[in-house]
């Protein structure tokens, strides 16, 4: 492996914790965790991304020399290399529920994404199913489409995939919208406005995307059952009330609960 690029980290990452969080949420056949590194398929090659020995940089490496300009931007977005969550974590550590999580995961921040369209697809597929089931469905989608490009998805046969027909249609509607000019790399206000007009993009879906895609610091999908259980709340309404004390850092609070 040769190091192709290095990305300075504004704040060191809790790397093993982050990999554990990402592992069940990876895009099958395109992403993997191996030997303490995140790996991403690029064509027929794999990029390897891991912190430097001193933890101050993320190193991008590959067996072959690959042009990494755009790839480095994607890696920086996925791992939020320019974010410093220390002040927010300090504030959240005042919560009895979050304090042990903050102590165990210093430097944690919500992961971003390698590709916005892929993240949207993965989020749709993850609606009302377990994380493991979503991974299985995502693998089937890639096997049907070959590549996760809008045109490939629209051309693929998505019948008998094990998903409700309305969810399959949401995938197609998103692909058509992107093909017609919906941008997923602009401001969150623009992205949210566009997604809110599409069927299948309700509050939970857009709340989750607000965290990982929109980088909204106070987004909080309080109906997420994983968050309800992790916080020890009786129900989503009780969680929403409990989370008032976590403002304006509720997206980070959600990430702590998911990762914990």
Protein backbone atom coordinates (compact mmCIF):
# COMPACT_ATOMS: atom_id res chain seq x y z
CA UNK A 1 0.00 0.00 0.00
CA UNK A 2 1.24 3.48 -0.85
CA UNK A 3 -0.09 6.58 0.88
CA UNK A 4 -1.70 8.80 -1.76
CA UNK A 5 -2.99 11.64 0.40
CA UNK A 6 -3.22 12.79 4.01
CA UNK A 7 -6.14 14.72 5.47
CA UNK A 8 -5.43 16.76 8.62
CA UNK A 9 -7.86 16.03 11.45
CA UNK A 10 -9.02 19.04 13.41
CA UNK A 11 -9.89 16.63 16.23
CA UNK A 12 -8.72 13.03 16.65
CA UNK A 13 -11.36 10.39 15.90
CA UNK A 14 -12.33 7.52 18.22
CA UNK A 15 -11.43 5.24 15.32
CA UNK A 16 -12.38 1.77 16.65
CA UNK A 17 -15.73 3.10 17.90
CA UNK A 18 -16.39 4.78 14.56
CA UNK A 19 -15.59 1.62 12.61
CA UNK A 20 -17.90 -0.39 14.87
CA UNK A 21 -20.66 2.12 14.19
CA UNK A 22 -20.09 2.10 10.43
CA UNK A 23 -19.66 -1.66 10.05
CA UNK A 24 -23.36 -2.64 9.91
CA UNK A 25 -24.21 0.51 7.92
CA UNK A 26 -21.71 0.03 5.08
CA UNK A 27 -22.77 -0.23 1.45
CA UNK A 28 -22.16 -3.92 0.63
CA UNK A 29 -19.74 -4.64 -2.22
CA UNK A 30 -18.59 -0.99 -2.20
CA UNK A 31 -17.41 -0.49 1.38
CA UNK A 32 -15.78 -2.74 3.96
CA UNK A 33 -13.83 -2.69 7.21
CA UNK A 34 -10.55 -4.61 7.11
CA UNK A 35 -7.51 -4.65 9.40
CA UNK A 36 -8.57 -1.56 11.30
CA UNK A 37 -9.27 0.52 8.22
CA UNK A 38 -12.24 1.71 6.18
CA UNK A 39 -11.95 0.57 2.57
CA UNK A 40 -13.84 1.88 -0.43
CA UNK A 41 -14.05 0.33 -3.85
CA UNK A 42 -13.03 2.62 -6.71
CA UNK A 43 -13.42 0.86 -10.04
CA UNK A 44 -11.52 -2.41 -9.65
CA UNK A 45 -9.32 -1.05 -6.86
CA UNK A 46 -9.82 -0.47 -3.14
CA UNK A 47 -8.83 2.64 -1.22
CA UNK A 48 -7.73 2.17 2.37
CA UNK A 49 -8.41 4.96 4.86
CA UNK A 50 -7.08 4.97 8.42
CA UNK A 51 -5.53 7.43 10.89
CA UNK A 52 -1.80 8.05 10.93
CA UNK A 53 0.20 6.64 13.83
CA UNK A 54 -0.14 9.89 15.78
CA UNK A 55 -3.88 10.14 15.06
CA UNK A 56 -3.55 13.64 13.62
CA UNK A 57 -4.27 12.76 9.99
CA UNK A 58 -6.32 10.39 7.91
CA UNK A 59 -4.18 8.58 5.37
CA UNK A 60 -5.61 7.46 2.04
CA UNK A 61 -3.69 4.56 0.57
CA UNK A 62 -4.01 2.09 -2.32
CA UNK A 63 -2.05 -0.63 -4.02
CA UNK A 64 -1.93 1.41 -7.23
CA UNK A 65 -1.56 5.11 -7.85
CA UNK A 66 -5.05 6.58 -8.19
CA UNK A 67 -6.03 10.22 -8.77
CA UNK A 68 -7.38 11.13 -5.35
CA UNK A 69 -8.47 14.77 -5.65
CA UNK A 70 -12.21 14.04 -5.68
CA UNK A 71 -11.78 10.93 -3.56
CA UNK A 72 -10.07 12.92 -0.81
CA UNK A 73 -13.05 15.28 -0.76
CA UNK A 74 -15.38 12.32 -0.35
CA UNK A 75 -13.26 10.88 2.47
CA UNK A 76 -13.15 14.25 4.22
CA UNK A 77 -16.94 14.48 4.00
CA UNK A 78 -17.48 10.95 5.31
CA UNK A 79 -15.23 11.38 8.34
CA UNK A 80 -15.98 15.08 8.98
CA UNK A 81 -12.28 15.87 9.26
CA UNK A 82 -12.81 19.62 9.76
CA UNK A 83 -15.25 19.33 12.66
CA UNK A 84 -14.36 19.79 16.31
CA UNK A 85 -17.05 18.47 18.64
CA UNK A 86 -15.14 18.97 21.91
CA UNK A 87 -17.30 21.91 23.12
CA UNK A 88 -20.51 20.08 22.21
CA UNK A 89 -19.36 16.86 23.89
CA UNK A 90 -18.48 18.81 27.02
CA UNK A 91 -22.00 20.26 27.11
CA UNK A 92 -23.62 16.87 26.52
CA UNK A 93 -21.54 15.27 29.27
CA UNK A 94 -23.79 17.08 31.77
CA UNK A 95 -26.50 14.56 30.88
CA UNK A 96 -26.52 11.45 33.06
CA UNK A 97 -27.53 9.37 30.04
CA UNK A 98 -24.84 10.74 27.73
CA UNK A 99 -21.94 11.26 30.15
CA UNK A 100 -20.61 7.65 30.00
CA UNK A 101 -20.91 7.68 26.21
CA UNK A 102 -18.97 10.93 25.92
CA UNK A 103 -16.26 9.52 28.17
CA UNK A 104 -15.99 6.36 26.07
CA UNK A 105 -16.08 8.12 22.69
CA UNK A 106 -14.07 11.38 22.84
CA UNK A 107 -13.89 13.07 19.47
CA UNK A 108 -16.99 11.38 18.07
CA UNK A 109 -18.96 13.28 15.46
CA UNK A 110 -21.74 12.20 13.14
CA UNK A 111 -20.28 10.50 10.07
CA UNK A 112 -21.08 12.06 6.73
CA UNK A 113 -21.25 10.04 3.54
CA UNK A 114 -19.09 8.99 0.63
CA UNK A 115 -21.87 9.69 -1.85
CA UNK A 116 -25.13 11.58 -1.14
CA UNK A 117 -27.27 9.51 -3.52
CA UNK A 118 -26.01 6.27 -1.98
CA UNK A 119 -26.79 7.55 1.50
CA UNK A 120 -30.32 8.49 0.47
CA UNK A 121 -30.87 5.03 -1.00
CA UNK A 122 -29.53 3.36 2.14
CA UNK A 123 -31.74 5.55 4.32
CA UNK A 124 -34.88 4.71 2.33
CA UNK A 125 -34.10 1.00 2.46
CA UNK A 126 -33.53 1.30 6.22
CA UNK A 127 -37.06 2.54 6.86
CA UNK A 128 -38.82 0.34 9.44
CA UNK A 129 -36.32 -2.55 9.18
CA UNK A 130 -33.32 -3.57 11.25
CA UNK A 131 -29.84 -2.36 10.35
CA UNK A 132 -28.89 -5.93 9.37
CA UNK A 133 -31.95 -6.33 7.14
CA UNK A 134 -31.18 -3.01 5.46
CA UNK A 135 -27.68 -4.26 4.64
CA UNK A 136 -29.13 -7.39 3.01
CA UNK A 137 -31.55 -5.33 0.93
CA UNK A 138 -28.79 -2.95 -0.09
CA UNK A 139 -26.70 -5.87 -1.35
CA UNK A 140 -29.64 -7.07 -3.43
CA UNK A 141 -30.07 -3.60 -4.87
CA UNK A 142 -26.44 -3.42 -5.97
CA UNK A 143 -26.60 -6.90 -7.45
CA UNK A 144 -29.67 -5.88 -9.46
CA UNK A 145 -28.32 -2.49 -10.56
CA UNK A 146 -24.59 -3.17 -10.95
CA UNK A 147 -23.87 0.38 -9.85
CA UNK A 148 -25.75 2.81 -7.64
CA UNK A 149 -26.26 5.45 -10.30
CA UNK A 150 -29.76 6.87 -10.91
CA UNK A 151 -29.90 5.63 -14.49
CA UNK A 152 -28.83 2.11 -13.48
CA UNK A 153 -31.48 1.98 -10.76
CA UNK A 154 -34.20 3.10 -13.17
CA UNK A 155 -33.20 0.45 -15.69
CA UNK A 156 -33.05 -2.39 -13.17
CA UNK A 157 -35.73 -4.93 -12.28
CA UNK A 158 -36.48 -4.23 -8.61
CA UNK A 159 -39.36 -6.67 -8.24
CA UNK A 160 -39.25 -9.45 -5.63
CA UNK A 161 -36.51 -7.77 -3.62
CA UNK A 162 -38.20 -8.27 -0.27
CA UNK A 163 -39.27 -4.63 0.06
CA UNK A 164 -42.77 -3.12 0.03
CA UNK A 165 -43.76 -1.83 -3.38
CA UNK A 166 -44.14 1.71 -2.09
CA UNK A 167 -40.54 1.71 -0.87
CA UNK A 168 -39.31 0.45 -4.23
CA UNK A 169 -41.25 3.24 -5.86
CA UNK A 170 -39.60 5.76 -3.52
CA UNK A 171 -36.20 4.56 -4.76
CA UNK A 172 -37.33 5.09 -8.33
CA UNK A 173 -38.86 8.48 -7.59
CA UNK A 174 -35.60 9.64 -6.03
CA UNK A 175 -33.59 8.37 -9.00
CA UNK A 176 -35.89 10.18 -11.43
CA UNK A 177 -35.72 13.38 -9.39
CA UNK A 178 -31.91 13.31 -9.34
CA UNK A 179 -31.89 12.61 -13.06
CA UNK A 180 -34.19 15.59 -13.54
CA UNK A 181 -31.84 17.90 -11.67
CA UNK A 182 -32.42 17.46 -7.92
CA UNK A 183 -29.07 18.24 -6.31
CA UNK A 184 -28.03 16.38 -3.18
CA UNK A 185 -24.79 18.28 -2.67
CA UNK A 186 -26.14 21.78 -2.06
CA UNK A 187 -27.32 23.45 1.13
CA UNK A 188 -29.52 21.43 3.43
CA UNK A 189 -32.34 23.94 2.98
CA UNK A 190 -32.36 23.23 -0.76
CA UNK A 191 -31.98 19.47 -0.34
CA UNK A 192 -34.70 19.27 2.30
CA UNK A 193 -37.07 21.37 0.21
CA UNK A 194 -36.58 19.02 -2.73
CA UNK A 195 -36.88 15.79 -0.76
CA UNK A 196 -39.96 16.95 1.13
CA UNK A 197 -41.91 16.97 -2.15
CA UNK A 198 -41.12 13.30 -2.83
CA UNK A 199 -43.25 10.45 -1.47
CA UNK A 200 -41.48 8.33 1.13
CA UNK A 201 -39.37 11.14 2.60
CA UNK A 202 -41.12 11.69 5.89
CA UNK A 203 -39.82 13.28 9.11
CA UNK A 204 -37.67 10.32 10.22
CA UNK A 205 -35.96 9.94 6.85
CA UNK A 206 -35.25 13.64 6.44
CA UNK A 207 -34.24 13.90 10.10
CA UNK A 208 -31.61 11.20 9.66
CA UNK A 209 -30.38 12.76 6.42
CA UNK A 210 -30.25 16.16 8.12
CA UNK A 211 -27.62 14.70 10.45
CA UNK A 212 -25.40 12.83 8.01
CA UNK A 213 -25.99 14.72 4.76
CA UNK A 214 -27.12 18.15 5.90
CA UNK A 215 -24.71 18.41 8.87
CA UNK A 216 -27.45 20.03 10.93
CA UNK A 217 -26.20 20.17 14.53
CA UNK A 218 -29.62 20.03 16.19
CA UNK A 219 -31.46 17.55 13.96
CA UNK A 220 -33.07 14.79 15.99
CA UNK A 221 -35.26 11.99 14.54
CA UNK A 222 -36.99 11.33 17.86
CA UNK A 223 -39.26 8.60 16.47
CA UNK A 224 -36.25 6.33 15.89
CA UNK A 225 -36.85 3.31 18.11
CA UNK A 226 -33.13 2.73 18.54
CA UNK A 227 -32.80 6.18 20.06
CA UNK A 228 -35.83 5.65 22.28
CA UNK A 229 -34.38 2.43 23.67
CA UNK A 230 -30.82 3.75 24.02
CA UNK A 231 -31.99 6.79 25.96
CA UNK A 232 -34.23 4.70 28.21
CA UNK A 233 -37.28 6.75 27.22
CA UNK A 234 -40.80 5.36 27.41
CA UNK A 235 -41.78 6.54 23.95
CA UNK A 236 -40.81 9.05 21.23
CA UNK A 237 -42.71 11.88 22.91
CA UNK A 238 -40.81 11.29 26.16
CA UNK A 239 -37.53 11.18 24.24
CA UNK A 240 -38.30 14.48 22.53
CA UNK A 241 -38.92 16.07 25.91
CA UNK A 242 -35.75 14.54 27.37
CA UNK A 243 -33.70 15.79 24.41
CA UNK A 244 -34.63 19.42 25.04
CA UNK A 245 -31.71 19.51 27.46
CA UNK A 246 -29.36 18.44 24.67
CA UNK A 247 -30.04 21.42 22.41
CA UNK A 248 -28.35 22.69 20.28
CA UNK A 249 -26.31 19.49 19.92
CA UNK A 250 -29.02 16.88 19.45
CA UNK A 251 -27.54 15.39 16.28
CA UNK A 252 -24.36 14.58 18.20
CA UNK A 253 -26.46 13.23 21.07
CA UNK A 254 -28.24 10.94 18.61
CA UNK A 255 -24.91 9.72 17.22
CA UNK A 256 -23.65 8.96 20.74
CA UNK A 257 -26.78 6.94 21.48
CA UNK A 258 -26.58 5.03 18.20
CA UNK A 259 -22.86 4.34 18.58
CA UNK A 260 -23.17 3.42 22.25
